[in-house]
Protein backbone atom coordinates (compact mmCIF):
# COMPACT_ATOMS: atom_id res chain seq x y z
CA UNK A 1 56.21 -45.80 28.59
CA UNK A 2 53.07 -47.69 27.59
CA UNK A 3 49.78 -45.92 26.54
CA UNK A 4 48.32 -46.66 29.92
CA UNK A 5 51.16 -45.02 31.69
CA UNK A 6 50.44 -41.51 30.07
CA UNK A 7 48.52 -39.41 32.72
CA UNK A 8 44.86 -38.39 31.33
CA UNK A 9 45.27 -34.79 31.66
CA UNK A 10 48.51 -34.99 29.66
CA UNK A 11 47.07 -37.20 26.90
CA UNK A 12 43.88 -34.74 26.58
CA UNK A 13 45.98 -31.87 26.54
CA UNK A 14 48.12 -33.72 23.69
CA UNK A 15 44.87 -34.45 21.74
CA UNK A 16 43.75 -30.94 22.10
CA UNK A 17 46.95 -29.46 21.08
CA UNK A 18 46.70 -31.92 17.93
CA UNK A 19 43.30 -31.05 17.13
CA UNK A 20 43.85 -27.26 17.20
CA UNK A 21 47.25 -27.65 15.15
CA UNK A 22 45.34 -29.85 12.55
CA UNK A 23 42.48 -27.30 12.42
CA UNK A 24 44.64 -24.18 11.99
CA UNK A 25 46.80 -25.93 9.51
CA UNK A 26 43.48 -26.57 7.38
CA UNK A 27 43.02 -22.82 7.29
CA UNK A 28 45.63 -22.42 4.71
CA UNK A 29 44.26 -21.49 1.37
CA UNK A 30 45.64 -24.73 -0.19
CA UNK A 31 43.27 -26.78 1.93
CA UNK A 32 39.91 -25.12 1.06
CA UNK A 33 40.22 -22.69 -2.10
CA UNK A 34 40.83 -25.37 -4.55
CA UNK A 35 37.61 -26.91 -3.46
CA UNK A 36 35.64 -23.56 -3.88
CA UNK A 37 36.79 -22.90 -7.23
CA UNK A 38 36.34 -26.44 -8.47
CA UNK A 39 33.10 -26.80 -6.91
CA UNK A 40 31.83 -23.61 -8.58
CA UNK A 41 33.23 -24.61 -11.84
CA UNK A 42 31.67 -27.97 -11.79
CA UNK A 43 28.47 -26.42 -10.33
CA UNK A 44 28.56 -29.05 -7.50
CA UNK A 45 25.78 -29.35 -4.85
CA UNK A 46 26.76 -28.68 -1.24
CA UNK A 47 26.67 -32.51 -0.42
CA UNK A 48 28.92 -33.33 -3.32
CA UNK A 49 31.35 -30.64 -2.49
CA UNK A 50 31.83 -31.72 1.25
CA UNK A 51 32.17 -35.08 0.10
CA UNK A 52 35.17 -34.27 -1.85
CA UNK A 53 36.35 -32.11 1.09
CA UNK A 54 36.04 -35.06 3.52
CA UNK A 55 37.55 -37.43 0.91
CA UNK A 56 40.53 -35.40 0.23
CA UNK A 57 41.12 -34.51 3.99
CA UNK A 58 41.05 -38.02 5.19
CA UNK A 59 43.54 -38.86 2.13
CA UNK A 60 45.76 -35.96 3.43
CA UNK A 61 45.72 -37.43 6.83
CA UNK A 62 46.43 -41.09 5.69
CA UNK A 63 49.36 -40.20 3.80
CA UNK A 64 50.62 -37.87 6.89
CA UNK A 65 50.15 -40.95 8.95
CA UNK A 66 52.14 -43.11 6.70
CA UNK A 67 54.95 -40.70 6.59
CA UNK A 68 54.73 -40.01 10.15
CA UNK A 69 55.13 -43.93 11.06
CA UNK A 70 58.15 -44.03 8.82
CA UNK A 71 59.58 -41.14 10.96
CA UNK A 72 58.68 -42.72 14.20
CA UNK A 73 60.08 -45.83 13.23
CA UNK A 74 63.34 -44.34 12.08
CA UNK A 75 63.35 -42.26 15.28
CA UNK A 76 63.15 -45.26 17.45
CA UNK A 77 65.70 -47.11 15.69
CA UNK A 78 67.84 -44.10 16.01
CA UNK A 79 67.04 -43.93 19.79
CA UNK A 80 68.40 -47.33 20.27
CA UNK A 81 72.00 -45.95 19.42
CA UNK A 82 71.65 -42.45 20.84
CA UNK A 83 69.30 -43.31 23.80
CA UNK A 84 67.74 -40.26 25.21
CA UNK A 85 68.06 -38.15 22.43
CA UNK A 86 64.66 -38.73 20.77
CA UNK A 87 62.61 -36.33 22.63
CA UNK A 88 65.13 -33.44 22.21
CA UNK A 89 65.25 -34.30 18.55
CA UNK A 90 61.49 -34.20 18.20
CA UNK A 91 61.42 -30.89 20.30
CA UNK A 92 64.16 -29.38 17.89
CA UNK A 93 61.97 -30.14 15.02
CA UNK A 94 58.92 -28.82 16.51
CA UNK A 95 60.86 -25.71 17.40
CA UNK A 96 62.32 -25.34 13.66
CA UNK A 97 58.65 -25.71 12.22
CA UNK A 98 57.26 -23.36 14.66
CA UNK A 99 59.92 -20.77 13.94
CA UNK A 100 59.30 -21.47 10.24
CA UNK A 101 55.69 -20.85 10.29
CA UNK A 102 56.04 -18.01 12.53
CA UNK A 103 58.69 -16.18 10.53
CA UNK A 104 56.84 -16.86 7.34
CA UNK A 105 53.56 -15.39 8.77
CA UNK A 106 55.22 -12.40 9.96
CA UNK A 107 57.25 -11.49 6.56
CA UNK A 108 54.26 -12.56 4.35
CA UNK A 109 53.30 -9.78 2.18
CA UNK A 110 49.88 -8.48 1.82
CA UNK A 111 47.49 -10.16 -0.62
CA UNK A 112 46.88 -7.99 -3.75
CA UNK A 113 43.54 -6.28 -3.71
CA UNK A 114 40.73 -8.25 -5.29
CA UNK A 115 41.97 -11.64 -4.75
CA UNK A 116 41.48 -14.58 -6.86
CA UNK A 117 38.33 -14.61 -8.87
CA UNK A 118 35.79 -17.36 -8.02
CA UNK A 119 33.81 -16.91 -11.18
CA UNK A 120 35.09 -19.73 -13.58
CA UNK A 121 34.27 -21.09 -16.85
CA UNK A 122 31.86 -24.05 -17.67
CA UNK A 123 32.92 -27.52 -16.37
CA UNK A 124 35.56 -28.74 -18.75
CA UNK A 125 36.14 -32.25 -16.98
CA UNK A 126 34.17 -34.84 -15.62
CA UNK A 127 32.91 -34.64 -12.02
CA UNK A 128 34.75 -37.81 -11.22
CA UNK A 129 38.08 -36.41 -12.57
CA UNK A 130 37.58 -33.34 -10.55
CA UNK A 131 36.70 -35.39 -7.42
CA UNK A 132 39.49 -37.57 -7.79
CA UNK A 133 42.05 -34.71 -8.81
CA UNK A 134 41.33 -32.94 -5.49
CA UNK A 135 41.66 -36.10 -3.43
CA UNK A 136 45.02 -36.78 -5.23
CA UNK A 137 46.24 -33.18 -4.58
CA UNK A 138 45.61 -33.52 -0.99
CA UNK A 139 46.96 -37.09 -0.77
CA UNK A 140 50.31 -36.06 -2.43
CA UNK A 141 51.00 -33.43 0.14
CA UNK A 142 51.19 -34.78 3.71
CA UNK A 143 50.65 -32.19 6.38
CA UNK A 144 54.52 -31.48 7.28
CA UNK A 145 53.22 -29.57 10.45
CA UNK A 146 51.91 -32.46 11.99
CA UNK A 147 54.96 -34.82 11.48
CA UNK A 148 56.99 -33.52 14.26
CA UNK A 149 54.31 -34.13 16.77
CA UNK A 150 54.17 -37.81 15.70
CA UNK A 151 57.80 -38.02 16.42
CA UNK A 152 57.44 -36.03 19.80
CA UNK A 153 55.11 -39.15 21.02
CA UNK A 154 56.95 -41.71 19.54
CA UNK A 155 57.71 -43.62 22.79
CA UNK A 156 54.16 -43.44 24.22
CA UNK A 157 52.81 -46.54 22.21
CA UNK A 158 50.73 -47.11 19.15
CA UNK A 159 47.46 -46.34 20.86
CA UNK A 160 48.59 -42.86 21.50
CA UNK A 161 49.58 -42.59 17.77
CA UNK A 162 46.22 -43.86 16.56
CA UNK A 163 44.45 -41.39 18.84
CA UNK A 164 46.74 -38.62 17.49
CA UNK A 165 45.97 -39.63 13.92
CA UNK A 166 42.24 -39.40 14.67
CA UNK A 167 42.22 -35.97 16.13
CA UNK A 168 44.31 -35.02 13.30
CA UNK A 169 41.67 -36.43 10.83
CA UNK A 170 38.72 -34.53 12.47
CA UNK A 171 40.52 -31.21 12.98
CA UNK A 172 41.63 -31.34 9.37
CA UNK A 173 38.25 -32.30 7.79
CA UNK A 174 36.38 -29.89 10.08
CA UNK A 175 38.77 -27.04 9.30
CA UNK A 176 38.86 -27.71 5.47
CA UNK A 177 34.95 -28.04 5.45
CA UNK A 178 34.42 -24.96 7.63
CA UNK A 179 36.45 -22.65 5.66
CA UNK A 180 35.06 -24.06 2.25
CA UNK A 181 31.83 -23.28 3.57
CA UNK A 182 32.49 -19.93 4.50
CA UNK A 183 34.06 -19.15 1.18
CA UNK A 184 31.01 -20.74 -0.74
CA UNK A 185 28.74 -18.76 1.30
CA UNK A 186 30.17 -15.71 -0.09
CA UNK A 187 32.93 -14.57 2.18
CA UNK A 188 35.48 -12.29 0.83
CA UNK A 189 38.45 -14.33 -0.10
CA UNK A 190 40.68 -11.50 0.68
CA UNK A 191 39.32 -11.55 4.18
CA UNK A 192 40.07 -15.09 4.65
CA UNK A 193 43.42 -14.67 3.22
CA UNK A 194 44.10 -12.04 6.10
CA UNK A 195 42.96 -14.23 8.70
CA UNK A 196 45.19 -17.05 7.32
CA UNK A 197 48.20 -14.73 8.22
CA UNK A 198 47.22 -14.74 11.90
CA UNK A 199 46.63 -18.51 11.57
CA UNK A 200 50.54 -18.72 10.90
CA UNK A 201 51.33 -16.87 13.98
CA UNK A 202 49.21 -19.00 16.32
CA UNK A 203 50.15 -22.19 14.52
CA UNK A 204 53.97 -21.44 14.85
CA UNK A 205 53.63 -20.21 18.71
CA UNK A 206 51.57 -23.54 19.36
CA UNK A 207 54.24 -25.70 17.80
CA UNK A 208 56.93 -23.91 19.94
CA UNK A 209 54.84 -24.34 22.89
CA UNK A 210 54.62 -28.11 22.26
CA UNK A 211 58.29 -28.21 22.03
CA UNK A 212 58.88 -26.67 25.18
CA UNK A 213 56.46 -29.06 26.76
CA UNK A 214 58.45 -31.90 25.55
CA UNK A 215 61.55 -30.91 26.82
CA UNK A 216 59.98 -29.89 30.37
CA UNK A 217 58.64 -33.56 30.44
CA UNK A 218 62.46 -34.75 30.49
CA UNK A 219 63.25 -33.00 33.54
């Protein structure tokens, strides 16, 4: 199927799911808490902090896209040998990832009272070192929850994969920036951690739903 063969409502739904999934994934504390901590320690201005968030978020998605491209290439090569199984393989991965996030959210223990402290010592590294350290941290941790979505659309053509990457980037950067700003503005980290537990439930259910849609499209 070429990109032009994909019905517009289906494409828009896919991109919407991709954006929401990326945004929810960015709500995980690892995607915003380090920026709050480093920004306060370095006494960064808001523009500098958002610049670090944006650069790190884009690096995170570039790495994810690179890994996703390898998975797609491997999946398409496999499909030459086991024709017809690729959509079901991608659906199975979506179910596995969805079940993992859902179960992890349901069994996660409560965060200890007080949460991590945000008052840090005087800056001990240069601004450049802190900036690139945050970028490297995100670049070295591709978004594993987004990878099955790449595989589920492997046969839809490169334009669809590029569009997915763009909405992943938008959702990730907006989510990271939003939660970083909320924490910087003085929200209780404990409250945001509690919200992140519900994020896991929503994210898991969303991935399972996408997997069901992939299977239903084959019938």
